[in-house]
Amino acid sequence: MNNINNESIGWQVSKARKLLKNKLQNRLKDRGISSEQLKILNLIISKQGCNQKELAESSEKDRAAVTRILNILETNNLVRRESSKRDRREFLLYTTKKGLGVYSEAVKVLNHETNAVESLFSKTELKQFKILLKKLISKLS
């Protein structure tokens, strides 16, 4: 019987992703937002007035997951929904002042964590690592 190879590239990338995500989640928790909520909030900030369908496509999440995240963001007064003038069934999404503040704080945390991870590598190693990751992503897409 074959065993899972814990040294394989897939295993290592998956483990690194999980560790990075958990570390970021723990740091963001203090700001009252999750990394998934931050991703959606970021998209809304960059596309003020977008609808849920556009968010689902941009975030590569299904509509149900986006709905759950939007409900939390709205409950926490980070985003607001407005009825569309062109389609009564559609809601357009906007960030609130509080949402912009939380986003600003969360981005500081994200940048700090990114810098901490990048500092583990020399400039040459980091450049090569990014090249290799882009190559991996492009080959898997």
C-alpha atoms as a PDB file:
ATOM      1  CA  MET A   1       0.000   0.000   0.000  1.00  0.00           C
ATOM      2  CA  ASN A   2       1.293   3.471  -0.891  1.00  0.00           C
ATOM      3  CA  ASN A   3       1.456   6.107   1.814  1.00  0.00           C
ATOM      4  CA  ILE A   4       0.975   9.824   1.389  1.00  0.00           C
ATOM      5  CA  ASN A   5       4.325  11.479   0.810  1.00  0.00           C
ATOM      6  CA  ASN A   6       4.558  14.324   3.326  1.00  0.00           C
ATOM      7  CA  GLU A   7       7.529  15.684   1.372  1.00  0.00           C
ATOM      8  CA  SER A   8       5.636  16.079  -1.921  1.00  0.00           C
ATOM      9  CA  ILE A   9       5.211  19.554  -3.373  1.00  0.00           C
ATOM     10  CA  GLY A  10       1.426  19.346  -3.064  1.00  0.00           C
ATOM     11  CA  TRP A  11       1.618  18.432   0.599  1.00  0.00           C
ATOM     12  CA  GLN A  12       4.171  21.150   1.360  1.00  0.00           C
ATOM     13  CA  VAL A  13       2.237  23.891  -0.487  1.00  0.00           C
ATOM     14  CA  SER A  14      -0.978  22.837   1.232  1.00  0.00           C
ATOM     15  CA  LYS A  15       0.674  22.834   4.658  1.00  0.00           C
ATOM     16  CA  ALA A  16       2.284  26.250   4.094  1.00  0.00           C
ATOM     17  CA  ARG A  17      -1.061  27.690   2.935  1.00  0.00           C
ATOM     18  CA  LYS A  18      -2.842  26.323   5.997  1.00  0.00           C
ATOM     19  CA  LEU A  19      -0.210  27.659   8.395  1.00  0.00           C
ATOM     20  CA  LEU A  20      -0.221  31.096   6.753  1.00  0.00           C
ATOM     21  CA  LYS A  21      -4.020  31.242   6.740  1.00  0.00           C
ATOM     22  CA  ASN A  22      -4.279  30.205  10.403  1.00  0.00           C
ATOM     23  CA  LYS A  23      -1.703  32.776  11.455  1.00  0.00           C
ATOM     24  CA  LEU A  24      -3.514  35.519   9.554  1.00  0.00           C
ATOM     25  CA  GLN A  25      -6.908  34.384  10.912  1.00  0.00           C
ATOM     26  CA  ASN A  26      -5.626  34.634  14.477  1.00  0.00           C
ATOM     27  CA  ARG A  27      -4.278  38.131  13.898  1.00  0.00           C
ATOM     28  CA  LEU A  28      -7.435  39.318  12.109  1.00  0.00           C
ATOM     29  CA  LYS A  29      -9.714  37.923  14.811  1.00  0.00           C
ATOM     30  CA  ASP A  30      -8.702  40.861  17.021  1.00  0.00           C
ATOM     31  CA  ARG A  31     -10.007  43.184  14.286  1.00  0.00           C
ATOM     32  CA  GLY A  32     -13.367  41.407  14.161  1.00  0.00           C
ATOM     33  CA  ILE A  33     -12.984  40.073  10.625  1.00  0.00           C
ATOM     34  CA  SER A  34     -11.949  36.801   8.983  1.00  0.00           C
ATOM     35  CA  SER A  35      -9.685  36.452   5.972  1.00  0.00           C
ATOM     36  CA  GLU A  36     -12.658  35.343   3.853  1.00  0.00           C
ATOM     37  CA  GLN A  37     -14.667  38.381   4.934  1.00  0.00           C
ATOM     38  CA  LEU A  38     -11.659  40.592   4.219  1.00  0.00           C
ATOM     39  CA  LYS A  39     -11.413  39.165   0.708  1.00  0.00           C
ATOM     40  CA  ILE A  40     -15.058  40.036   0.006  1.00  0.00           C
ATOM     41  CA  LEU A  41     -14.745  43.454   1.670  1.00  0.00           C
ATOM     42  CA  ASN A  42     -11.702  44.170  -0.501  1.00  0.00           C
ATOM     43  CA  LEU A  43     -13.672  43.326  -3.644  1.00  0.00           C
ATOM     44  CA  ILE A  44     -16.565  45.568  -2.591  1.00  0.00           C
ATOM     45  CA  ILE A  45     -14.172  48.444  -1.893  1.00  0.00           C
ATOM     46  CA  SER A  46     -12.611  48.049  -5.331  1.00  0.00           C
ATOM     47  CA  LYS A  47     -16.012  47.652  -7.043  1.00  0.00           C
ATOM     48  CA  GLN A  48     -18.418  49.895  -5.110  1.00  0.00           C
ATOM     49  CA  GLY A  49     -21.954  49.194  -6.295  1.00  0.00           C
ATOM     50  CA  CYS A  50     -21.262  45.653  -7.455  1.00  0.00           C
ATOM     51  CA  ASN A  51     -23.836  42.922  -7.021  1.00  0.00           C
ATOM     52  CA  GLN A  52     -23.612  39.519  -5.379  1.00  0.00           C
ATOM     53  CA  LYS A  53     -23.208  37.668  -8.662  1.00  0.00           C
ATOM     54  CA  GLU A  54     -20.178  39.794  -9.568  1.00  0.00           C
ATOM     55  CA  LEU A  55     -18.705  39.163  -6.107  1.00  0.00           C
ATOM     56  CA  ALA A  56     -19.154  35.410  -6.442  1.00  0.00           C
ATOM     57  CA  GLU A  57     -17.404  35.424  -9.822  1.00  0.00           C
ATOM     58  CA  SER A  58     -14.557  37.685  -8.689  1.00  0.00           C
ATOM     59  CA  SER A  59     -13.952  35.778  -5.455  1.00  0.00           C
ATOM     60  CA  GLU A  60     -14.345  32.347  -7.078  1.00  0.00           C
ATOM     61  CA  LYS A  61     -16.869  31.433  -4.374  1.00  0.00           C
ATOM     62  CA  ASP A  62     -20.369  30.102  -4.796  1.00  0.00           C
ATOM     63  CA  ARG A  63     -23.271  32.478  -4.264  1.00  0.00           C
ATOM     64  CA  ALA A  64     -24.355  30.792  -1.019  1.00  0.00           C
ATOM     65  CA  ALA A  65     -20.912  31.324   0.539  1.00  0.00           C
ATOM     66  CA  VAL A  66     -20.913  34.955  -0.595  1.00  0.00           C
ATOM     67  CA  THR A  67     -24.399  35.418   0.885  1.00  0.00           C
ATOM     68  CA  ARG A  68     -23.230  34.084   4.265  1.00  0.00           C
ATOM     69  CA  ILE A  69     -20.214  36.383   4.259  1.00  0.00           C
ATOM     70  CA  LEU A  70     -22.297  39.397   3.192  1.00  0.00           C
ATOM     71  CA  ASN A  71     -24.812  38.707   5.964  1.00  0.00           C
ATOM     72  CA  ILE A  72     -21.999  38.814   8.526  1.00  0.00           C
ATOM     73  CA  LEU A  73     -20.469  41.954   7.010  1.00  0.00           C
ATOM     74  CA  GLU A  74     -23.871  43.649   6.960  1.00  0.00           C
ATOM     75  CA  THR A  75     -24.696  42.570  10.531  1.00  0.00           C
ATOM     76  CA  ASN A  76     -21.361  44.054  11.634  1.00  0.00           C
ATOM     77  CA  ASN A  77     -22.188  47.272   9.744  1.00  0.00           C
ATOM     78  CA  LEU A  78     -19.192  46.911   7.422  1.00  0.00           C
ATOM     79  CA  VAL A  79     -21.227  46.905   4.207  1.00  0.00           C
ATOM     80  CA  ARG A  80     -24.660  48.052   3.167  1.00  0.00           C
ATOM     81  CA  ARG A  81     -27.007  46.760   0.489  1.00  0.00           C
ATOM     82  CA  GLU A  82     -29.068  49.062  -1.678  1.00  0.00           C
ATOM     83  CA  SER A  83     -31.798  48.055  -4.077  1.00  0.00           C
ATOM     84  CA  SER A  84     -30.820  48.410  -7.699  1.00  0.00           C
ATOM     85  CA  LYS A  85     -32.750  50.949  -9.720  1.00  0.00           C
ATOM     86  CA  ARG A  86     -32.549  48.759 -12.833  1.00  0.00           C
ATOM     87  CA  ASP A  87     -33.625  45.442 -11.222  1.00  0.00           C
ATOM     88  CA  ARG A  88     -35.725  45.205  -8.037  1.00  0.00           C
ATOM     89  CA  ARG A  89     -34.383  41.703  -7.311  1.00  0.00           C
ATOM     90  CA  GLU A  90     -30.787  42.899  -7.276  1.00  0.00           C
ATOM     91  CA  PHE A  91     -28.883  44.509  -4.414  1.00  0.00           C
ATOM     92  CA  LEU A  92     -25.829  46.677  -4.895  1.00  0.00           C
ATOM     93  CA  LEU A  93     -23.105  46.590  -2.291  1.00  0.00           C
ATOM     94  CA  TYR A  94     -21.202  49.454  -0.702  1.00  0.00           C
ATOM     95  CA  THR A  95     -18.780  49.725   2.193  1.00  0.00           C
ATOM     96  CA  THR A  96     -19.668  51.760   5.235  1.00  0.00           C
ATOM     97  CA  LYS A  97     -17.383  54.167   7.060  1.00  0.00           C
ATOM     98  CA  LYS A  98     -16.894  51.490   9.719  1.00  0.00           C
ATOM     99  CA  GLY A  99     -16.119  48.965   6.980  1.00  0.00           C
ATOM    100  CA  LEU A 100     -13.406  51.203   5.569  1.00  0.00           C
ATOM    101  CA  GLY A 101     -11.893  51.566   9.049  1.00  0.00           C
ATOM    102  CA  VAL A 102     -11.890  47.832   9.723  1.00  0.00           C
ATOM    103  CA  TYR A 103     -10.463  47.239   6.256  1.00  0.00           C
ATOM    104  CA  SER A 104      -7.667  49.734   6.869  1.00  0.00           C
ATOM    105  CA  GLU A 105      -6.714  48.024  10.140  1.00  0.00           C
ATOM    106  CA  ALA A 106      -6.925  44.561   8.581  1.00  0.00           C
ATOM    107  CA  VAL A 107      -4.666  45.600   5.694  1.00  0.00           C
ATOM    108  CA  LYS A 108      -2.052  46.737   8.228  1.00  0.00           C
ATOM    109  CA  VAL A 109      -2.180  43.275   9.810  1.00  0.00           C
ATOM    110  CA  LEU A 110      -1.992  41.602   6.396  1.00  0.00           C
ATOM    111  CA  ASN A 111       0.991  43.736   5.361  1.00  0.00           C
ATOM    112  CA  HIS A 112       2.753  43.032   8.658  1.00  0.00           C
ATOM    113  CA  GLU A 113       2.269  39.284   8.259  1.00  0.00           C
ATOM    114  CA  THR A 114       3.356  39.409   4.608  1.00  0.00           C
ATOM    115  CA  ASN A 115       6.514  41.293   5.530  1.00  0.00           C
ATOM    116  CA  ALA A 116       7.246  38.815   8.334  1.00  0.00           C
ATOM    117  CA  VAL A 117       6.992  35.878   5.929  1.00  0.00           C
ATOM    118  CA  GLU A 118       9.007  37.606   3.220  1.00  0.00           C
ATOM    119  CA  SER A 119      11.751  38.444   5.732  1.00  0.00           C
ATOM    120  CA  LEU A 120      12.428  34.708   6.071  1.00  0.00           C
ATOM    121  CA  PHE A 121      14.006  34.781   2.605  1.00  0.00           C
ATOM    122  CA  SER A 122      16.824  36.720   1.003  1.00  0.00           C
ATOM    123  CA  LYS A 123      15.831  39.051  -1.839  1.00  0.00           C
ATOM    124  CA  THR A 124      17.161  36.544  -4.354  1.00  0.00           C
ATOM    125  CA  GLU A 125      15.321  33.643  -2.738  1.00  0.00           C
ATOM    126  CA  LEU A 126      12.089  35.640  -2.562  1.00  0.00           C
ATOM    127  CA  LYS A 127      12.330  36.635  -6.221  1.00  0.00           C
ATOM    128  CA  GLN A 128      12.942  33.014  -7.254  1.00  0.00           C
ATOM    129  CA  PHE A 129      10.176  31.757  -4.938  1.00  0.00           C
ATOM    130  CA  LYS A 130       7.651  34.138  -6.514  1.00  0.00           C
ATOM    131  CA  ILE A 131       8.727  33.071 -10.007  1.00  0.00           C
ATOM    132  CA  LEU A 132       8.285  29.411  -9.081  1.00  0.00           C
ATOM    133  CA  LEU A 133       4.889  30.008  -7.458  1.00  0.00           C
ATOM    134  CA  LYS A 134       3.655  31.896 -10.540  1.00  0.00           C
ATOM    135  CA  LYS A 135       4.879  29.053 -12.727  1.00  0.00           C
ATOM    136  CA  LEU A 136       3.083  26.490 -10.558  1.00  0.00           C
ATOM    137  CA  ILE A 137      -0.138  28.498 -10.563  1.00  0.00           C
ATOM    138  CA  SER A 138      -0.058  29.046 -14.325  1.00  0.00           C
ATOM    139  CA  LYS A 139       0.529  25.345 -14.985  1.00  0.00           C
ATOM    140  CA  LEU A 140      -2.337  24.356 -12.664  1.00  0.00           C
ATOM    141  CA  SER A 141      -4.805  26.931 -14.030  1.00  0.00           C
END
